[in-house]
Amino acid sequence: MAAADSEASYIDYEAFASPDFHAPTFANTLVLSTNDANDTSLDLSTPLSRVLFDVQEVDTHIDSLTTSSALPLLKHTSTRAQASTHVLDTLESQVQGLQQAYTRLHQDVVERYEQAEQVRLAADRLANTLRLARAVARCLHLGRTLEGSMADTDKPREGHRSLAPAARLVLSLRQTLAPEDVAEARLLARVNAITTLRNELLDPSERSLLGKAQQSIREFSMSTLTGSSGGAGSVFAQHDDTRARTSAALHTLYLLSPVSLPPKSSNIQGATFNPTLLVNALQSYLQTSLTASATSLARALATLPTLDRTLLDISARCQNIVALESLLSTARPPAHPLLPTSADSNTPAPLEPPPAFLGPLLAALDTSSLPSYFWRSLASSLAPRVQEIIARGGVSARTLKTNRDKVRDAVRECVHRGSQLPSSAGSKKVVGNWEREAAVMVGSIIGSLGR
């Protein structure tokens, strides 16, 4: 034991076992401790002998420890080997059980899932095909119905009765062609029959309906001032037909006007729907009447013998506008399939239909009355034309100045006469007080004549 302690203290095991041990540094220290640093010749036999002695001592120590502990080491190694063998045998049986369970699970679950997934995929594709086929069938049915309805619109007398139903069919067909499901809409757009239906029937039908409705608005006339053929019964029948055609045109333009719903994120409630196609057609009718009236009146002021006839025509145009206003104020918009309805009666829908057709038109013109708008707009366009006549001089200017009183009375009578409802509307009374409009019209002409 003393020898072992001596050997243990002789070899510095802590230095060799330290993580900071560095062999070159240790060798350098050993060489310097056995040699003079200033000597040019080094003696390496002494440090080498010391290192070899240390190695031999360590080897001897290891050999003695191994020899004395051989039996415990062998016993420990045997015990670990037996334990490892037992663990391995146990794990092999468990692994084999897991493999069998996995094989059974794969057969019962994975293979059946793969088969079920194929069935589900086939069923899903069949359902999509069936849904697409139903959509195509519905589109073709609507297209066939629309085709028949468009043929009815070409009838000379009762064709206007089919305008609004055809417009509803156009809206229904467009809704069917643009479902909420984007994927379904893309599939539907790839069907050749649907492409043909859209290009050869839907779009031309919509353009035809718009053209016929706009033509009915352009041809609206109920005044009898310029004369009419036939008796009173014939006149009333013609005007009833005009009202029916115009009402059908109004409904058609209202239904075909694009609907722009506010986004769902916005809190806009109760906004009024603006039928742009309807408003544009009515504005075009008013603008045409104004342009024709201004041009003919300016020509008549230059040649006074035609003034009476021209003022009569202008009165007839204004009577038509009065009759149109009466029709627009009483006509109620039809139910629009694209306008959402409010589920709660206390909460307004995001977009409400106008109470009558007149409201959107008055709002677009920024006026409270169509006849007032007509007379004031006509007066504003007359002043520069009268000034142009006076500036040119000649017989026309002198005649106009000489007959200023006659012109004043004729224009005033024209305003009052034009502000009446046509006789076919059941009234010959002047609707409202039009003194201001008459004064504005007279002032636009007489005011430019000077003294």
Protein backbone atom coordinates (compact mmCIF):
# COMPACT_ATOMS: atom_id res chain seq x y z
CA MET A 1 0.00 0.00 0.00
CA ALA A 2 2.92 2.34 0.81
CA ALA A 3 4.52 1.55 -2.52
CA ALA A 4 1.22 2.27 -4.28
CA ASP A 5 0.89 5.59 -2.50
CA SER A 6 4.47 6.43 -3.37
CA GLU A 7 3.87 5.61 -7.01
CA ALA A 8 0.64 7.54 -7.00
CA SER A 9 2.36 10.59 -5.57
CA TYR A 10 5.32 10.21 -7.90
CA ILE A 11 3.18 10.53 -11.06
CA ASP A 12 1.13 13.68 -11.19
CA TYR A 13 -2.16 12.14 -12.36
CA GLU A 14 -4.06 15.40 -11.81
CA ALA A 15 -1.80 17.24 -14.27
CA PHE A 16 -2.19 14.53 -16.91
CA ALA A 17 -5.97 14.25 -16.33
CA SER A 18 -6.55 18.02 -16.39
CA PRO A 19 -8.59 19.31 -19.42
CA ASP A 20 -5.99 22.04 -19.82
CA PHE A 21 -3.12 19.55 -20.34
CA HIS A 22 -1.05 20.41 -23.42
CA ALA A 23 1.61 17.87 -24.51
CA PRO A 24 4.00 20.32 -26.26
CA THR A 25 3.93 22.64 -23.25
CA PHE A 26 4.61 19.71 -20.86
CA ALA A 27 7.53 18.49 -23.08
CA ASN A 28 8.99 21.99 -23.28
CA THR A 29 8.83 22.36 -19.47
CA LEU A 30 10.46 18.95 -18.99
CA VAL A 31 13.31 19.76 -21.40
CA LEU A 32 14.00 23.14 -19.79
CA SER A 33 14.04 21.62 -16.32
CA THR A 34 16.80 19.17 -17.31
CA ASN A 35 18.89 21.50 -19.52
CA ASP A 36 20.35 24.97 -19.47
CA ALA A 37 18.34 27.36 -21.61
CA ASN A 38 21.54 29.16 -22.70
CA ASP A 39 23.28 25.93 -23.80
CA THR A 40 23.22 25.44 -27.55
CA SER A 41 23.41 21.65 -27.28
CA LEU A 42 20.38 19.93 -25.68
CA ASP A 43 20.47 16.64 -23.83
CA LEU A 44 17.16 14.87 -24.48
CA SER A 45 18.13 11.56 -22.97
CA THR A 46 17.22 12.64 -19.44
CA PRO A 47 13.70 13.96 -20.18
CA LEU A 48 13.09 11.00 -22.48
CA SER A 49 14.14 8.58 -19.81
CA ARG A 50 11.82 10.28 -17.34
CA VAL A 51 8.89 10.06 -19.71
CA LEU A 52 9.63 6.40 -20.45
CA PHE A 53 9.90 5.72 -16.76
CA ASP A 54 6.54 7.39 -16.15
CA VAL A 55 4.94 5.35 -18.92
CA GLN A 56 6.39 2.16 -17.56
CA GLU A 57 5.15 3.00 -14.08
CA VAL A 58 1.65 3.70 -15.38
CA ASP A 59 1.67 0.45 -17.37
CA THR A 60 2.83 -1.49 -14.34
CA HIS A 61 0.13 0.12 -12.23
CA ILE A 62 -2.55 -0.73 -14.78
CA ASP A 63 -1.31 -4.31 -15.02
CA SER A 64 -1.39 -4.76 -11.26
CA LEU A 65 -4.89 -3.27 -10.97
CA THR A 66 -6.15 -5.48 -13.80
CA THR A 67 -4.58 -8.60 -12.30
CA SER A 68 -5.95 -7.97 -8.84
CA SER A 69 -9.45 -7.10 -10.14
CA ALA A 70 -9.71 -9.68 -12.93
CA LEU A 71 -12.47 -11.75 -11.33
CA PRO A 72 -14.71 -8.79 -10.42
CA LEU A 73 -14.24 -7.37 -13.90
CA LEU A 74 -15.10 -10.67 -15.58
CA LYS A 75 -18.10 -11.13 -13.32
CA HIS A 76 -19.31 -7.57 -14.03
CA THR A 77 -18.81 -8.04 -17.77
CA SER A 78 -20.70 -11.36 -17.69
CA THR A 79 -23.55 -9.80 -15.74
CA ARG A 80 -23.88 -6.90 -18.23
CA ALA A 81 -23.75 -9.31 -21.18
CA GLN A 82 -26.55 -11.45 -19.67
CA ALA A 83 -28.61 -8.36 -18.92
CA SER A 84 -28.12 -7.09 -22.48
CA THR A 85 -29.14 -10.47 -23.90
CA HIS A 86 -32.28 -10.50 -21.74
CA VAL A 87 -33.21 -6.95 -22.77
CA LEU A 88 -32.59 -7.78 -26.42
CA ASP A 89 -34.78 -10.89 -26.27
CA THR A 90 -37.57 -8.94 -24.57
CA LEU A 91 -37.37 -6.08 -27.08
CA GLU A 92 -37.35 -8.48 -30.03
CA SER A 93 -40.61 -10.04 -28.88
CA GLN A 94 -42.17 -6.62 -28.35
CA VAL A 95 -40.91 -5.35 -31.72
CA GLN A 96 -42.34 -8.42 -33.40
CA GLY A 97 -45.68 -7.74 -31.69
CA LEU A 98 -45.57 -4.12 -32.85
CA GLN A 99 -44.81 -5.20 -36.40
CA GLN A 100 -47.76 -7.59 -36.38
CA ALA A 101 -50.02 -4.88 -34.91
CA TYR A 102 -48.85 -2.39 -37.55
CA THR A 103 -49.45 -4.92 -40.33
CA ARG A 104 -52.97 -5.57 -39.03
CA LEU A 105 -53.58 -1.81 -38.58
CA HIS A 106 -52.34 -1.11 -42.12
CA GLN A 107 -54.74 -3.71 -43.50
CA ASP A 108 -57.68 -2.57 -41.38
CA VAL A 109 -57.15 1.21 -41.59
CA VAL A 110 -54.67 2.40 -44.18
CA GLU A 111 -55.77 0.16 -47.04
CA ARG A 112 -59.44 0.74 -46.26
CA TYR A 113 -58.79 4.49 -45.98
CA GLU A 114 -57.12 4.51 -49.38
CA GLN A 115 -60.09 2.68 -50.86
CA ALA A 116 -62.51 5.01 -49.09
CA GLU A 117 -60.54 8.05 -50.29
CA GLN A 118 -60.86 6.86 -53.87
CA VAL A 119 -64.59 6.37 -53.39
CA ARG A 120 -64.89 9.82 -51.77
CA LEU A 121 -62.94 11.43 -54.61
CA ALA A 122 -65.13 9.72 -57.20
CA ALA A 123 -68.31 10.76 -55.33
CA ASP A 124 -67.06 14.34 -55.02
CA ARG A 125 -66.31 14.54 -58.73
CA LEU A 126 -69.66 12.97 -59.57
CA ALA A 127 -71.39 15.53 -57.33
CA ASN A 128 -69.52 18.40 -59.03
CA THR A 129 -70.41 16.97 -62.43
CA LEU A 130 -74.06 16.65 -61.42
CA ARG A 131 -74.07 20.21 -60.05
CA LEU A 132 -72.46 21.48 -63.24
CA ALA A 133 -74.91 19.52 -65.39
CA ARG A 134 -77.85 20.96 -63.45
CA ALA A 135 -76.46 24.49 -63.84
CA VAL A 136 -75.99 23.95 -67.58
CA ALA A 137 -79.52 22.53 -67.87
CA ARG A 138 -80.95 25.48 -65.99
CA CYS A 139 -79.02 27.92 -68.20
CA LEU A 140 -80.22 26.21 -71.35
CA HIS A 141 -83.82 26.21 -70.06
CA LEU A 142 -83.60 29.89 -69.26
CA GLY A 143 -81.99 30.53 -72.63
CA ARG A 144 -84.79 28.70 -74.43
CA THR A 145 -87.38 30.68 -72.46
CA LEU A 146 -85.52 33.94 -73.17
CA GLU A 147 -85.40 33.10 -76.86
CA GLY A 148 -89.19 32.70 -76.92
CA SER A 149 -89.69 35.87 -74.92
CA MET A 150 -87.44 37.83 -77.28
CA ALA A 151 -89.52 36.56 -80.20
CA ASP A 152 -92.59 37.95 -78.44
CA THR A 153 -90.96 41.38 -78.09
CA ASP A 154 -90.84 41.64 -81.89
CA LYS A 155 -94.63 41.56 -82.17
CA PRO A 156 -95.84 44.92 -83.53
CA ARG A 157 -98.65 45.62 -81.04
CA GLU A 158 -98.10 43.63 -77.87
CA GLY A 159 -94.34 43.24 -78.02
CA HIS A 160 -93.82 45.74 -75.20
CA ARG A 161 -95.57 43.38 -72.79
CA SER A 162 -92.66 40.96 -73.05
CA LEU A 163 -89.89 43.51 -72.41
CA ALA A 164 -89.88 43.36 -68.60
CA PRO A 165 -90.29 39.53 -68.43
CA ALA A 166 -87.41 39.19 -70.89
CA ALA A 167 -85.31 41.53 -68.75
CA ARG A 168 -86.03 39.34 -65.71
CA LEU A 169 -84.94 36.30 -67.68
CA VAL A 170 -81.70 38.09 -68.60
CA LEU A 171 -81.03 38.80 -64.91
CA SER A 172 -81.86 35.22 -63.91
CA LEU A 173 -79.59 33.85 -66.61
CA ARG A 174 -76.73 36.14 -65.57
CA GLN A 175 -77.16 35.07 -61.95
CA THR A 176 -77.04 31.42 -62.97
CA LEU A 177 -73.96 32.01 -65.11
CA ALA A 178 -72.16 33.73 -62.21
CA PRO A 179 -72.68 31.54 -59.11
CA GLU A 180 -71.13 32.44 -55.77
CA ASP A 181 -68.77 29.44 -55.97
CA VAL A 182 -65.80 30.70 -57.99
CA ALA A 183 -64.67 27.18 -58.95
CA GLU A 184 -68.12 26.30 -60.24
CA ALA A 185 -68.27 29.56 -62.18
CA ARG A 186 -64.95 28.75 -63.86
CA LEU A 187 -66.12 25.25 -64.79
CA LEU A 188 -69.39 26.64 -66.13
CA ALA A 189 -67.54 29.20 -68.25
CA ARG A 190 -65.53 26.39 -69.89
CA VAL A 191 -68.63 24.64 -71.24
CA ASN A 192 -68.96 25.36 -74.97
CA ALA A 193 -72.75 25.46 -74.84
CA ILE A 194 -72.63 28.13 -72.13
CA THR A 195 -70.13 30.20 -74.12
CA THR A 196 -72.37 29.99 -77.17
CA LEU A 197 -75.42 30.85 -75.08
CA ARG A 198 -73.71 33.92 -73.66
CA ASN A 199 -72.30 35.21 -76.94
CA GLU A 200 -75.16 34.41 -79.30
CA LEU A 201 -78.23 34.85 -77.10
CA LEU A 202 -77.68 36.58 -73.76
CA ASP A 203 -75.57 39.56 -74.80
CA PRO A 204 -77.52 40.28 -78.03
CA SER A 205 -80.82 39.93 -76.17
CA GLU A 206 -79.74 42.41 -73.51
CA ARG A 207 -78.61 44.89 -76.16
CA SER A 208 -81.89 44.44 -78.04
CA LEU A 209 -83.96 44.99 -74.89
CA LEU A 210 -82.01 48.14 -74.07
CA GLY A 211 -82.42 49.45 -77.61
CA LYS A 212 -86.16 48.83 -77.67
CA ALA A 213 -86.69 50.35 -74.23
CA GLN A 214 -84.62 53.42 -75.09
CA GLN A 215 -86.50 53.79 -78.37
CA SER A 216 -89.83 53.73 -76.50
CA ILE A 217 -88.55 56.53 -74.24
CA ARG A 218 -87.35 58.56 -77.23
CA GLU A 219 -90.70 58.16 -78.97
CA PHE A 220 -92.79 59.13 -75.92
CA SER A 221 -95.45 61.64 -77.00
CA MET A 222 -98.91 62.30 -75.56
CA SER A 223 -99.57 65.90 -76.55
CA THR A 224 -102.35 66.60 -79.04
CA LEU A 225 -101.37 70.20 -79.73
CA THR A 226 -99.73 69.41 -83.05
CA GLY A 227 -102.78 67.48 -84.28
CA SER A 228 -103.65 63.79 -84.42
CA SER A 229 -105.56 61.58 -86.77
CA GLY A 230 -108.76 59.82 -85.74
CA GLY A 231 -111.42 60.65 -83.17
CA ALA A 232 -111.20 61.06 -79.41
CA GLY A 233 -111.50 57.34 -78.84
CA SER A 234 -108.59 56.67 -81.15
CA VAL A 235 -106.49 59.32 -79.39
CA PHE A 236 -107.19 57.84 -75.96
CA ALA A 237 -106.36 54.37 -77.26
CA GLN A 238 -103.08 55.61 -78.71
CA HIS A 239 -102.15 57.34 -75.47
CA ASP A 240 -103.03 54.28 -73.40
CA ASP A 241 -100.76 52.29 -75.67
CA THR A 242 -98.03 54.93 -75.24
CA ARG A 243 -98.32 54.77 -71.46
CA ALA A 244 -98.17 50.98 -71.54
CA ARG A 245 -95.13 50.98 -73.82
CA THR A 246 -93.38 53.62 -71.75
CA SER A 247 -94.11 51.81 -68.47
CA ALA A 248 -92.72 48.58 -69.94
CA ALA A 249 -89.62 50.47 -71.12
CA LEU A 250 -89.17 52.05 -67.68
CA HIS A 251 -89.41 48.66 -65.99
CA THR A 252 -86.96 47.15 -68.46
CA LEU A 253 -84.36 49.90 -68.02
CA TYR A 254 -84.80 49.73 -64.25
CA LEU A 255 -84.20 45.96 -64.16
CA LEU A 256 -81.21 46.06 -66.51
CA SER A 257 -79.48 48.89 -64.64
CA PRO A 258 -76.32 47.61 -62.93
CA VAL A 259 -76.53 47.07 -59.17
CA SER A 260 -73.48 48.02 -57.10
CA LEU A 261 -73.94 46.68 -53.59
CA PRO A 262 -71.91 48.29 -50.78
CA PRO A 263 -69.23 46.03 -49.27
CA LYS A 264 -70.33 43.87 -46.37
CA SER A 265 -67.72 45.48 -44.13
CA SER A 266 -69.37 48.89 -44.49
CA ASN A 267 -72.22 49.96 -42.25
CA ILE A 268 -74.19 51.64 -45.05
CA GLN A 269 -77.88 50.92 -44.60
CA GLY A 270 -80.91 52.22 -46.46
CA ALA A 271 -79.11 53.76 -49.47
CA THR A 272 -81.36 54.29 -52.50
CA PHE A 273 -80.69 52.31 -55.66
CA ASN A 274 -79.90 54.54 -58.65
CA PRO A 275 -81.05 52.96 -61.94
CA THR A 276 -78.42 54.54 -64.18
CA LEU A 277 -79.73 53.18 -67.49
CA LEU A 278 -83.20 54.52 -66.76
CA VAL A 279 -81.94 57.93 -65.65
CA ASN A 280 -79.63 58.22 -68.67
CA ALA A 281 -82.46 57.41 -71.11
CA LEU A 282 -84.76 59.99 -69.51
CA GLN A 283 -82.01 62.61 -69.46
CA SER A 284 -81.33 61.93 -73.14
CA TYR A 285 -85.05 62.44 -73.89
CA LEU A 286 -85.07 65.77 -72.06
CA GLN A 287 -81.85 66.90 -73.69
CA THR A 288 -83.19 66.03 -77.15
CA SER A 289 -86.35 68.06 -76.47
CA LEU A 290 -84.29 70.99 -75.20
CA THR A 291 -81.90 70.97 -78.16
CA ALA A 292 -84.69 70.75 -80.73
CA SER A 293 -86.71 73.46 -78.98
CA ALA A 294 -83.77 75.86 -78.68
CA THR A 295 -82.76 75.38 -82.31
CA SER A 296 -86.28 75.80 -83.73
CA LEU A 297 -87.10 78.79 -81.51
CA ALA A 298 -83.88 80.58 -82.44
CA ARG A 299 -84.70 80.01 -86.12
CA ALA A 300 -88.29 81.22 -85.60
CA LEU A 301 -87.15 84.40 -83.84
CA ALA A 302 -85.13 85.19 -86.95
CA THR A 303 -88.19 84.56 -89.15
CA LEU A 304 -91.21 85.64 -87.10
CA PRO A 305 -93.94 84.27 -89.43
CA THR A 306 -92.98 80.74 -88.23
CA LEU A 307 -92.98 81.69 -84.54
CA ASP A 308 -96.53 80.60 -83.76
CA ARG A 309 -96.03 77.14 -85.21
CA THR A 310 -92.68 76.76 -83.47
CA LEU A 311 -94.08 77.81 -80.08
CA LEU A 312 -96.89 75.32 -80.56
CA ASP A 313 -94.34 72.55 -81.13
CA ILE A 314 -92.40 73.64 -78.03
CA SER A 315 -95.60 73.64 -75.98
CA ALA A 316 -96.28 70.11 -77.23
CA ARG A 317 -92.79 69.00 -76.16
CA CYS A 318 -93.29 70.48 -72.70
CA GLN A 319 -96.70 68.83 -72.44
CA ASN A 320 -95.00 65.54 -73.18
CA ILE A 321 -92.55 66.27 -70.35
CA VAL A 322 -95.46 67.11 -68.02
CA ALA A 323 -97.14 63.84 -68.98
CA LEU A 324 -93.84 61.99 -68.49
CA GLU A 325 -93.43 63.51 -65.04
CA SER A 326 -96.96 62.44 -64.13
CA LEU A 327 -96.24 58.92 -65.35
CA LEU A 328 -92.90 58.73 -63.51
CA SER A 329 -94.44 59.98 -60.26
CA THR A 330 -97.14 57.28 -60.28
CA ALA A 331 -95.15 54.36 -61.69
CA ARG A 332 -93.72 52.10 -59.00
CA PRO A 333 -90.50 50.19 -59.61
CA PRO A 334 -90.87 46.42 -59.93
CA ALA A 335 -89.19 44.02 -57.51
CA HIS A 336 -85.54 43.80 -58.47
CA PRO A 337 -84.09 40.27 -58.08
CA LEU A 338 -80.57 41.63 -57.45
CA LEU A 339 -81.54 44.00 -54.63
CA PRO A 340 -81.16 42.33 -51.21
CA THR A 341 -84.07 42.34 -48.84
CA SER A 342 -83.79 43.02 -45.12
CA ALA A 343 -84.40 40.00 -42.91
CA ASP A 344 -85.48 42.28 -40.07
CA SER A 345 -88.35 44.64 -40.77
CA ASN A 346 -86.84 47.19 -38.38
CA THR A 347 -83.48 47.25 -40.18
CA PRO A 348 -83.33 48.69 -43.73
CA ALA A 349 -81.68 46.74 -46.52
CA PRO A 350 -78.21 47.88 -47.73
CA LEU A 351 -79.80 49.17 -50.96
CA GLU A 352 -83.44 50.26 -51.07
CA PRO A 353 -85.47 50.66 -54.30
CA PRO A 354 -86.71 54.21 -55.03
CA PRO A 355 -90.38 54.83 -54.19
CA ALA A 356 -91.04 55.96 -57.78
CA PHE A 357 -89.13 56.46 -61.02
CA LEU A 358 -89.29 60.25 -60.73
CA GLY A 359 -87.05 60.56 -57.67
CA PRO A 360 -83.73 59.38 -59.21
CA LEU A 361 -84.29 61.58 -62.28
CA LEU A 362 -84.98 64.72 -60.22
CA ALA A 363 -81.93 63.98 -58.09
CA ALA A 364 -79.74 63.59 -61.19
CA LEU A 365 -81.04 66.88 -62.67
CA ASP A 366 -80.92 68.67 -59.30
CA THR A 367 -84.42 70.05 -59.76
CA SER A 368 -87.85 69.68 -58.19
CA SER A 369 -89.88 69.71 -61.41
CA LEU A 370 -89.26 68.54 -64.96
CA PRO A 371 -91.27 71.35 -66.67
CA SER A 372 -89.45 73.95 -64.60
CA TYR A 373 -86.14 72.36 -65.59
CA PHE A 374 -87.22 72.42 -69.24
CA TRP A 375 -88.22 76.09 -69.30
CA ARG A 376 -85.24 77.32 -67.30
CA SER A 377 -82.76 75.28 -69.33
CA LEU A 378 -84.38 76.47 -72.57
CA ALA A 379 -84.24 80.09 -71.39
CA SER A 380 -80.56 79.83 -70.48
CA SER A 381 -79.74 78.60 -74.00
CA LEU A 382 -81.87 81.24 -75.75
CA ALA A 383 -80.21 84.43 -74.47
CA PRO A 384 -76.94 84.04 -76.46
CA ARG A 385 -78.90 83.04 -79.61
CA VAL A 386 -81.10 86.19 -79.40
CA GLN A 387 -78.01 88.33 -78.83
CA GLU A 388 -76.49 86.77 -81.93
CA ILE A 389 -79.58 87.73 -83.98
CA ILE A 390 -79.44 91.32 -82.70
CA ALA A 391 -75.70 91.49 -83.34
CA ARG A 392 -76.16 90.45 -86.99
CA GLY A 393 -78.76 93.21 -87.45
CA GLY A 394 -80.79 93.43 -90.62
CA VAL A 395 -84.48 92.77 -91.19
CA SER A 396 -84.65 89.94 -88.66
CA ALA A 397 -83.36 92.11 -85.82
CA ARG A 398 -85.61 95.05 -86.70
CA THR A 399 -88.69 92.85 -87.06
CA LEU A 400 -87.98 91.16 -83.75
CA LYS A 401 -87.60 94.48 -81.95
CA THR A 402 -90.74 95.89 -83.58
CA ASN A 403 -92.85 92.91 -82.55
CA ARG A 404 -91.47 92.54 -79.04
CA ASP A 405 -94.92 92.78 -77.45
CA LYS A 406 -96.31 90.11 -79.73
CA VAL A 407 -93.32 87.89 -78.98
CA ARG A 408 -93.74 88.47 -75.24
CA ASP A 409 -97.40 87.45 -75.29
CA ALA A 410 -96.76 84.46 -77.54
CA VAL A 411 -93.92 83.14 -75.34
CA ARG A 412 -95.93 83.59 -72.17
CA GLU A 413 -98.88 81.76 -73.74
CA CYS A 414 -96.48 79.02 -74.88
CA VAL A 415 -95.26 78.45 -71.31
CA HIS A 416 -98.77 78.28 -69.86
CA ARG A 417 -100.02 76.10 -72.68
CA GLY A 418 -97.06 73.74 -72.42
CA SER A 419 -97.49 73.43 -68.64
CA GLN A 420 -100.87 71.73 -69.06
CA LEU A 421 -101.36 68.02 -68.98
CA PRO A 422 -102.37 66.69 -72.39
CA SER A 423 -106.12 66.47 -72.91
CA SER A 424 -105.86 62.69 -73.01
CA ALA A 425 -104.62 62.73 -69.41
CA GLY A 426 -108.06 63.89 -68.29
CA SER A 427 -107.21 67.47 -67.31
CA LYS A 428 -106.79 70.83 -69.06
CA LYS A 429 -105.82 72.76 -65.96
CA VAL A 430 -102.43 74.33 -65.58
CA VAL A 431 -100.43 72.17 -63.22
CA GLY A 432 -98.75 74.48 -60.70
CA ASN A 433 -97.85 78.13 -61.02
CA TRP A 434 -95.51 78.80 -63.93
CA GLU A 435 -95.34 82.62 -63.79
CA ARG A 436 -91.68 82.51 -62.83
CA GLU A 437 -90.82 80.19 -65.71
CA ALA A 438 -92.82 82.41 -68.09
CA ALA A 439 -90.96 85.47 -66.80
CA VAL A 440 -87.62 83.72 -67.24
CA MET A 441 -88.48 82.72 -70.81
CA VAL A 442 -89.72 86.21 -71.72
CA GLY A 443 -86.69 87.81 -70.07
CA SER A 444 -84.26 85.59 -72.00
CA ILE A 445 -85.72 86.91 -75.27
CA ILE A 446 -86.99 90.42 -74.58
CA GLY A 447 -84.16 91.27 -72.22
CA SER A 448 -81.64 90.84 -75.04
CA LEU A 449 -83.56 93.15 -77.45
CA GLY A 450 -82.73 96.36 -75.58
CA ARG A 451 -84.92 99.45 -75.92
